[in-house]
Amino acid sequence: MNRELEAILKSYQALKEAYASGADAVELKVLYESRLDDVLSRRPNLSRATLQQLIDYKYGLWRRAQEKPSALPPKA
């Protein structure tokens, strides 16, 4: 996975967890928004809404991949 994408996904997860816990997430939101701005500055034809949709999709895949066991259980 691309390092930049992984950094965006991790900051997105931290932001979502902060919102869920009721914590003040101003700094996390600023970090997340700045990472989005970096991507958007390099891709002028990409809208923020489209980028957010892509991140939501990739976040779901990434999160499921994080939850899967690292090895298959032995056969009985």
PDB file of N, CA and C in Angstrom:
ATOM      1  N   MET A   1       0.841  -1.171   0.000  1.00  0.00           N
ATOM      2  CA  MET A   1       0.000   0.000   0.000  1.00  0.00           C
ATOM      3  C   MET A   1       0.891   1.240   0.000  1.00  0.00           C
ATOM      4  N   ASN A   2       0.444   2.232  -0.682  1.00  0.00           N
ATOM      5  CA  ASN A   2       1.120   3.519  -0.753  1.00  0.00           C
ATOM      6  C   ASN A   2       1.246   4.127   0.647  1.00  0.00           C
ATOM      7  N   ARG A   3       2.435   4.632   0.987  1.00  0.00           N
ATOM      8  CA  ARG A   3       2.652   5.207   2.320  1.00  0.00           C
ATOM      9  C   ARG A   3       1.749   6.404   2.587  1.00  0.00           C
ATOM     10  N   GLU A   4       1.567   7.218   1.560  1.00  0.00           N
ATOM     11  CA  GLU A   4       0.717   8.400   1.720  1.00  0.00           C
ATOM     12  C   GLU A   4      -0.730   7.994   1.998  1.00  0.00           C
ATOM     13  N   LEU A   5      -1.217   7.005   1.265  1.00  0.00           N
ATOM     14  CA  LEU A   5      -2.581   6.524   1.481  1.00  0.00           C
ATOM     15  C   LEU A   5      -2.724   5.934   2.873  1.00  0.00           C
ATOM     16  N   GLU A   6      -1.743   5.180   3.305  1.00  0.00           N
ATOM     17  CA  GLU A   6      -1.809   4.596   4.638  1.00  0.00           C
ATOM     18  C   GLU A   6      -1.805   5.687   5.714  1.00  0.00           C
ATOM     19  N   ALA A   7      -1.024   6.733   5.519  1.00  0.00           N
ATOM     20  CA  ALA A   7      -1.000   7.845   6.478  1.00  0.00           C
ATOM     21  C   ALA A   7      -2.353   8.542   6.529  1.00  0.00           C
ATOM     22  N   ILE A   8      -2.978   8.717   5.368  1.00  0.00           N
ATOM     23  CA  ILE A   8      -4.309   9.334   5.320  1.00  0.00           C
ATOM     24  C   ILE A   8      -5.323   8.449   6.035  1.00  0.00           C
ATOM     25  N   LEU A   9      -5.259   7.153   5.785  1.00  0.00           N
ATOM     26  CA  LEU A   9      -6.209   6.236   6.419  1.00  0.00           C
ATOM     27  C   LEU A   9      -6.025   6.199   7.933  1.00  0.00           C
ATOM     28  N   LYS A  10      -4.786   6.238   8.394  1.00  0.00           N
ATOM     29  CA  LYS A  10      -4.540   6.242   9.836  1.00  0.00           C
ATOM     30  C   LYS A  10      -5.041   7.531  10.478  1.00  0.00           C
ATOM     31  N   SER A  11      -4.839   8.653   9.808  1.00  0.00           N
ATOM     32  CA  SER A  11      -5.334   9.909  10.375  1.00  0.00           C
ATOM     33  C   SER A  11      -6.863   9.953  10.328  1.00  0.00           C
ATOM     34  N   TYR A  12      -7.460   9.363   9.310  1.00  0.00           N
ATOM     35  CA  TYR A  12      -8.917   9.272   9.214  1.00  0.00           C
ATOM     36  C   TYR A  12      -9.461   8.408  10.349  1.00  0.00           C
ATOM     37  N   GLN A  13      -8.792   7.290  10.619  1.00  0.00           N
ATOM     38  CA  GLN A  13      -9.219   6.415  11.707  1.00  0.00           C
ATOM     39  C   GLN A  13      -9.100   7.131  13.054  1.00  0.00           C
ATOM     40  N   ALA A  14      -8.014   7.828  13.268  1.00  0.00           N
ATOM     41  CA  ALA A  14      -7.838   8.559  14.527  1.00  0.00           C
ATOM     42  C   ALA A  14      -8.928   9.617  14.694  1.00  0.00           C
ATOM     43  N   LEU A  15      -9.269  10.284  13.614  1.00  0.00           N
ATOM     44  CA  LEU A  15     -10.322  11.297  13.657  1.00  0.00           C
ATOM     45  C   LEU A  15     -11.674  10.670  13.985  1.00  0.00           C
ATOM     46  N   LYS A  16     -11.992   9.556  13.325  1.00  0.00           N
ATOM     47  CA  LYS A  16     -13.255   8.871  13.588  1.00  0.00           C
ATOM     48  C   LYS A  16     -13.333   8.375  15.028  1.00  0.00           C
ATOM     49  N   GLU A  17     -12.229   7.841  15.558  1.00  0.00           N
ATOM     50  CA  GLU A  17     -12.215   7.352  16.928  1.00  0.00           C
ATOM     51  C   GLU A  17     -12.381   8.502  17.926  1.00  0.00           C
ATOM     52  N   ALA A  18     -11.768   9.631  17.624  1.00  0.00           N
ATOM     53  CA  ALA A  18     -11.899  10.794  18.509  1.00  0.00           C
ATOM     54  C   ALA A  18     -13.334  11.298  18.531  1.00  0.00           C
ATOM     55  N   TYR A  19     -13.964  11.360  17.366  1.00  0.00           N
ATOM     56  CA  TYR A  19     -15.366  11.778  17.316  1.00  0.00           C
ATOM     57  C   TYR A  19     -16.255  10.795  18.078  1.00  0.00           C
ATOM     58  N   ALA A  20     -15.972   9.501  17.924  1.00  0.00           N
ATOM     59  CA  ALA A  20     -16.789   8.481  18.587  1.00  0.00           C
ATOM     60  C   ALA A  20     -16.661   8.557  20.107  1.00  0.00           C
ATOM     61  N   SER A  21     -15.488   8.919  20.594  1.00  0.00           N
ATOM     62  CA  SER A  21     -15.274   8.986  22.042  1.00  0.00           C
ATOM     63  C   SER A  21     -15.685  10.329  22.627  1.00  0.00           C
ATOM     64  N   GLY A  22     -16.031  11.277  21.775  1.00  0.00           N
ATOM     65  CA  GLY A  22     -16.443  12.585  22.248  1.00  0.00           C
ATOM     66  C   GLY A  22     -15.280  13.510  22.560  1.00  0.00           C
ATOM     67  N   ALA A  23     -14.071  13.107  22.185  1.00  0.00           N
ATOM     68  CA  ALA A  23     -12.886  13.925  22.455  1.00  0.00           C
ATOM     69  C   ALA A  23     -12.826  15.114  21.499  1.00  0.00           C
ATOM     70  N   ASP A  24     -12.055  16.098  21.891  1.00  0.00           N
ATOM     71  CA  ASP A  24     -11.846  17.270  21.043  1.00  0.00           C
ATOM     72  C   ASP A  24     -10.896  16.868  19.925  1.00  0.00           C
ATOM     73  N   ALA A  25     -11.348  16.923  18.694  1.00  0.00           N
ATOM     74  CA  ALA A  25     -10.583  16.409  17.567  1.00  0.00           C
ATOM     75  C   ALA A  25     -10.108  17.502  16.616  1.00  0.00           C
ATOM     76  N   VAL A  26      -9.933  18.709  17.119  1.00  0.00           N
ATOM     77  CA  VAL A  26      -9.557  19.828  16.246  1.00  0.00           C
ATOM     78  C   VAL A  26      -8.206  19.574  15.586  1.00  0.00           C
ATOM     79  N   GLU A  27      -7.208  19.165  16.380  1.00  0.00           N
ATOM     80  CA  GLU A  27      -5.876  18.929  15.822  1.00  0.00           C
ATOM     81  C   GLU A  27      -5.882  17.771  14.834  1.00  0.00           C
ATOM     82  N   LEU A  28      -6.634  16.725  15.154  1.00  0.00           N
ATOM     83  CA  LEU A  28      -6.713  15.580  14.243  1.00  0.00           C
ATOM     84  C   LEU A  28      -7.394  15.969  12.937  1.00  0.00           C
ATOM     85  N   LYS A  29      -8.414  16.800  13.031  1.00  0.00           N
ATOM     86  CA  LYS A  29      -9.108  17.244  11.825  1.00  0.00           C
ATOM     87  C   LYS A  29      -8.188  18.107  10.966  1.00  0.00           C
ATOM     88  N   VAL A  30      -7.407  18.963  11.590  1.00  0.00           N
ATOM     89  CA  VAL A  30      -6.457  19.800  10.849  1.00  0.00           C
ATOM     90  C   VAL A  30      -5.430  18.925  10.136  1.00  0.00           C
ATOM     91  N   LEU A  31      -4.925  17.914  10.824  1.00  0.00           N
ATOM     92  CA  LEU A  31      -3.953  16.995  10.208  1.00  0.00           C
ATOM     93  C   LEU A  31      -4.572  16.270   9.018  1.00  0.00           C
ATOM     94  N   TYR A  32      -5.760  15.735   9.207  1.00  0.00           N
ATOM     95  CA  TYR A  32      -6.449  15.013   8.139  1.00  0.00           C
ATOM     96  C   TYR A  32      -6.724  15.929   6.946  1.00  0.00           C
ATOM     97  N   GLU A  33      -7.230  17.117   7.209  1.00  0.00           N
ATOM     98  CA  GLU A  33      -7.528  18.062   6.132  1.00  0.00           C
ATOM     99  C   GLU A  33      -6.257  18.478   5.389  1.00  0.00           C
ATOM    100  N   SER A  34      -5.156  18.623   6.105  1.00  0.00           N
ATOM    101  CA  SER A  34      -3.904  19.010   5.434  1.00  0.00           C
ATOM    102  C   SER A  34      -3.407  17.898   4.527  1.00  0.00           C
ATOM    103  N   ARG A  35      -3.608  16.651   4.936  1.00  0.00           N
ATOM    104  CA  ARG A  35      -3.211  15.527   4.068  1.00  0.00           C
ATOM    105  C   ARG A  35      -4.091  15.478   2.816  1.00  0.00           C
ATOM    106  N   LEU A  36      -5.367  15.768   2.979  1.00  0.00           N
ATOM    107  CA  LEU A  36      -6.249  15.829   1.811  1.00  0.00           C
ATOM    108  C   LEU A  36      -5.829  16.977   0.886  1.00  0.00           C
ATOM    109  N   ASP A  37      -5.503  18.117   1.474  1.00  0.00           N
ATOM    110  CA  ASP A  37      -5.074  19.271   0.680  1.00  0.00           C
ATOM    111  C   ASP A  37      -3.806  18.968  -0.120  1.00  0.00           C
ATOM    112  N   ASP A  38      -2.891  18.198   0.477  1.00  0.00           N
ATOM    113  CA  ASP A  38      -1.668  17.813  -0.237  1.00  0.00           C
ATOM    114  C   ASP A  38      -1.997  17.006  -1.490  1.00  0.00           C
ATOM    115  N   VAL A  39      -2.912  16.063  -1.345  1.00  0.00           N
ATOM    116  CA  VAL A  39      -3.308  15.239  -2.490  1.00  0.00           C
ATOM    117  C   VAL A  39      -4.017  16.092  -3.538  1.00  0.00           C
ATOM    118  N   LEU A  40      -4.924  16.935  -3.082  1.00  0.00           N
ATOM    119  CA  LEU A  40      -5.696  17.765  -4.014  1.00  0.00           C
ATOM    120  C   LEU A  40      -4.818  18.773  -4.745  1.00  0.00           C
ATOM    121  N   SER A  41      -3.750  19.238  -4.113  1.00  0.00           N
ATOM    122  CA  SER A  41      -2.859  20.192  -4.784  1.00  0.00           C
ATOM    123  C   SER A  41      -2.099  19.533  -5.936  1.00  0.00           C
ATOM    124  N   ARG A  42      -1.856  18.237  -5.818  1.00  0.00           N
ATOM    125  CA  ARG A  42      -1.161  17.522  -6.899  1.00  0.00           C
ATOM    126  C   ARG A  42      -2.110  16.989  -7.965  1.00  0.00           C
ATOM    127  N   ARG A  43      -3.384  16.936  -7.668  1.00  0.00           N
ATOM    128  CA  ARG A  43      -4.390  16.410  -8.604  1.00  0.00           C
ATOM    129  C   ARG A  43      -5.508  17.435  -8.752  1.00  0.00           C
ATOM    130  N   PRO A  44      -5.307  18.441  -9.603  1.00  0.00           N
ATOM    131  CA  PRO A  44      -6.290  19.532  -9.710  1.00  0.00           C
ATOM    132  C   PRO A  44      -7.657  19.106 -10.251  1.00  0.00           C
ATOM    133  N   ASN A  45      -7.730  17.996 -10.954  1.00  0.00           N
ATOM    134  CA  ASN A  45      -9.018  17.547 -11.502  1.00  0.00           C
ATOM    135  C   ASN A  45      -9.822  16.698 -10.524  1.00  0.00           C
ATOM    136  N   LEU A  46      -9.269  16.446  -9.348  1.00  0.00           N
ATOM    137  CA  LEU A  46      -9.932  15.627  -8.343  1.00  0.00           C
ATOM    138  C   LEU A  46     -10.660  16.534  -7.353  1.00  0.00           C
ATOM    139  N   SER A  47     -11.928  16.270  -7.150  1.00  0.00           N
ATOM    140  CA  SER A  47     -12.694  17.085  -6.191  1.00  0.00           C
ATOM    141  C   SER A  47     -12.535  16.507  -4.783  1.00  0.00           C
ATOM    142  N   ARG A  48     -12.769  17.345  -3.804  1.00  0.00           N
ATOM    143  CA  ARG A  48     -12.672  16.908  -2.411  1.00  0.00           C
ATOM    144  C   ARG A  48     -13.710  15.825  -2.111  1.00  0.00           C
ATOM    145  N   ALA A  49     -14.905  15.968  -2.668  1.00  0.00           N
ATOM    146  CA  ALA A  49     -15.964  14.976  -2.436  1.00  0.00           C
ATOM    147  C   ALA A  49     -15.581  13.613  -3.012  1.00  0.00           C
ATOM    148  N   THR A  50     -15.011  13.610  -4.210  1.00  0.00           N
ATOM    149  CA  THR A  50     -14.590  12.356  -4.830  1.00  0.00           C
ATOM    150  C   THR A  50     -13.456  11.722  -4.035  1.00  0.00           C
ATOM    151  N   LEU A  51     -12.509  12.541  -3.605  1.00  0.00           N
ATOM    152  CA  LEU A  51     -11.405  12.026  -2.796  1.00  0.00           C
ATOM    153  C   LEU A  51     -11.932  11.424  -1.497  1.00  0.00           C
ATOM    154  N   GLN A  52     -12.887  12.082  -0.858  1.00  0.00           N
ATOM    155  CA  GLN A  52     -13.445  11.552   0.385  1.00  0.00           C
ATOM    156  C   GLN A  52     -14.168  10.234   0.145  1.00  0.00           C
ATOM    157  N   GLN A  53     -14.861  10.110  -0.971  1.00  0.00           N
ATOM    158  CA  GLN A  53     -15.531   8.842  -1.303  1.00  0.00           C
ATOM    159  C   GLN A  53     -14.500   7.728  -1.487  1.00  0.00           C
ATOM    160  N   LEU A  54     -13.397   8.047  -2.156  1.00  0.00           N
ATOM    161  CA  LEU A  54     -12.331   7.050  -2.345  1.00  0.00           C
ATOM    162  C   LEU A  54     -11.721   6.646  -1.004  1.00  0.00           C
ATOM    163  N   ILE A  55     -11.519   7.611  -0.140  1.00  0.00           N
ATOM    164  CA  ILE A  55     -10.949   7.316   1.174  1.00  0.00           C
ATOM    165  C   ILE A  55     -11.907   6.463   1.999  1.00  0.00           C
ATOM    166  N   ASP A  56     -13.198   6.778   1.953  1.00  0.00           N
ATOM    167  CA  ASP A  56     -14.185   5.963   2.668  1.00  0.00           C
ATOM    168  C   ASP A  56     -14.144   4.516   2.188  1.00  0.00           C
ATOM    169  N   TYR A  57     -14.055   4.328   0.876  1.00  0.00           N
ATOM    170  CA  TYR A  57     -14.005   2.981   0.302  1.00  0.00           C
ATOM    171  C   TYR A  57     -12.733   2.261   0.735  1.00  0.00           C
ATOM    172  N   LYS A  58     -11.595   2.923   0.562  1.00  0.00           N
ATOM    173  CA  LYS A  58     -10.312   2.308   0.917  1.00  0.00           C
ATOM    174  C   LYS A  58     -10.215   2.060   2.425  1.00  0.00           C
ATOM    175  N   TYR A  59     -10.821   2.941   3.220  1.00  0.00           N
ATOM    176  CA  TYR A  59     -10.801   2.770   4.669  1.00  0.00           C
ATOM    177  C   TYR A  59     -11.519   1.476   5.061  1.00  0.00           C
ATOM    178  N   GLY A  60     -12.646   1.216   4.427  1.00  0.00           N
ATOM    179  CA  GLY A  60     -13.371  -0.030   4.713  1.00  0.00           C
ATOM    180  C   GLY A  60     -12.541  -1.253   4.392  1.00  0.00           C
ATOM    181  N   LEU A  61     -11.871  -1.235   3.244  1.00  0.00           N
ATOM    182  CA  LEU A  61     -11.013  -2.360   2.871  1.00  0.00           C
ATOM    183  C   LEU A  61      -9.834  -2.495   3.821  1.00  0.00           C
ATOM    184  N   TRP A  62      -9.218  -1.369   4.134  1.00  0.00           N
ATOM    185  CA  TRP A  62      -8.043  -1.359   4.999  1.00  0.00           C
ATOM    186  C   TRP A  62      -8.399  -1.860   6.404  1.00  0.00           C
ATOM    187  N   ARG A  63      -9.540  -1.410   6.901  1.00  0.00           N
ATOM    188  CA  ARG A  63      -9.963  -1.813   8.239  1.00  0.00           C
ATOM    189  C   ARG A  63     -10.249  -3.313   8.305  1.00  0.00           C
ATOM    190  N   ARG A  64     -10.912  -3.840   7.281  1.00  0.00           N
ATOM    191  CA  ARG A  64     -11.170  -5.285   7.257  1.00  0.00           C
ATOM    192  C   ARG A  64      -9.869  -6.076   7.164  1.00  0.00           C
ATOM    193  N   ALA A  65      -8.909  -5.570   6.402  1.00  0.00           N
ATOM    194  CA  ALA A  65      -7.619  -6.248   6.281  1.00  0.00           C
ATOM    195  C   ALA A  65      -6.872  -6.236   7.612  1.00  0.00           C
ATOM    196  N   GLN A  66      -7.041  -5.186   8.404  1.00  0.00           N
ATOM    197  CA  GLN A  66      -6.391  -5.099   9.708  1.00  0.00           C
ATOM    198  C   GLN A  66      -6.986  -6.089  10.703  1.00  0.00           C
ATOM    199  N   GLU A  67      -8.244  -6.438  10.515  1.00  0.00           N
ATOM    200  CA  GLU A  67      -8.933  -7.325  11.452  1.00  0.00           C
ATOM    201  C   GLU A  67      -8.740  -8.800  11.146  1.00  0.00           C
ATOM    202  N   LYS A  68      -8.289  -9.138   9.946  1.00  0.00           N
ATOM    203  CA  LYS A  68      -8.145 -10.536   9.566  1.00  0.00           C
ATOM    204  C   LYS A  68      -6.955 -11.152  10.298  1.00  0.00           C
ATOM    205  N   PRO A  69      -7.062 -12.442  10.623  1.00  0.00           N
ATOM    206  CA  PRO A  69      -5.921 -13.109  11.267  1.00  0.00           C
ATOM    207  C   PRO A  69      -4.728 -13.177  10.306  1.00  0.00           C
ATOM    208  N   SER A  70      -3.542 -13.163  10.852  1.00  0.00           N
ATOM    209  CA  SER A  70      -2.354 -13.142  10.026  1.00  0.00           C
ATOM    210  C   SER A  70      -2.035 -14.488   9.398  1.00  0.00           C
ATOM    211  N   ALA A  71      -2.538 -15.567   9.973  1.00  0.00           N
ATOM    212  CA  ALA A  71      -2.259 -16.910   9.431  1.00  0.00           C
ATOM    213  C   ALA A  71      -3.521 -17.763   9.501  1.00  0.00           C
ATOM    214  N   LEU A  72      -3.568 -18.729   8.650  1.00  0.00           N
ATOM    215  CA  LEU A  72      -4.693 -19.665   8.663  1.00  0.00           C
ATOM    216  C   LEU A  72      -4.527 -20.627   9.846  1.00  0.00           C
ATOM    217  N   PRO A  73      -5.617 -21.058  10.457  1.00  0.00           N
ATOM    218  CA  PRO A  73      -5.489 -22.013  11.551  1.00  0.00           C
ATOM    219  C   PRO A  73      -5.056 -23.379  11.013  1.00  0.00           C
ATOM    220  N   PRO A  74      -4.384 -24.166  11.819  1.00  0.00           N
ATOM    221  CA  PRO A  74      -3.956 -25.483  11.350  1.00  0.00           C
ATOM    222  C   PRO A  74      -5.139 -26.399  11.088  1.00  0.00           C
ATOM    223  N   LYS A  75      -4.949 -27.297  10.132  1.00  0.00           N
ATOM    224  CA  LYS A  75      -6.022 -28.261   9.816  1.00  0.00           C
ATOM    225  C   LYS A  75      -6.108 -29.327  10.907  1.00  0.00           C
ATOM    226  N   ALA A  76      -7.316 -29.722  11.196  1.00  0.00           N
ATOM    227  CA  ALA A  76      -7.521 -30.724  12.250  1.00  0.00           C
ATOM    228  C   ALA A  76      -7.371 -32.106  11.719  1.00  0.00           C
TER     229      ALA A  76
END
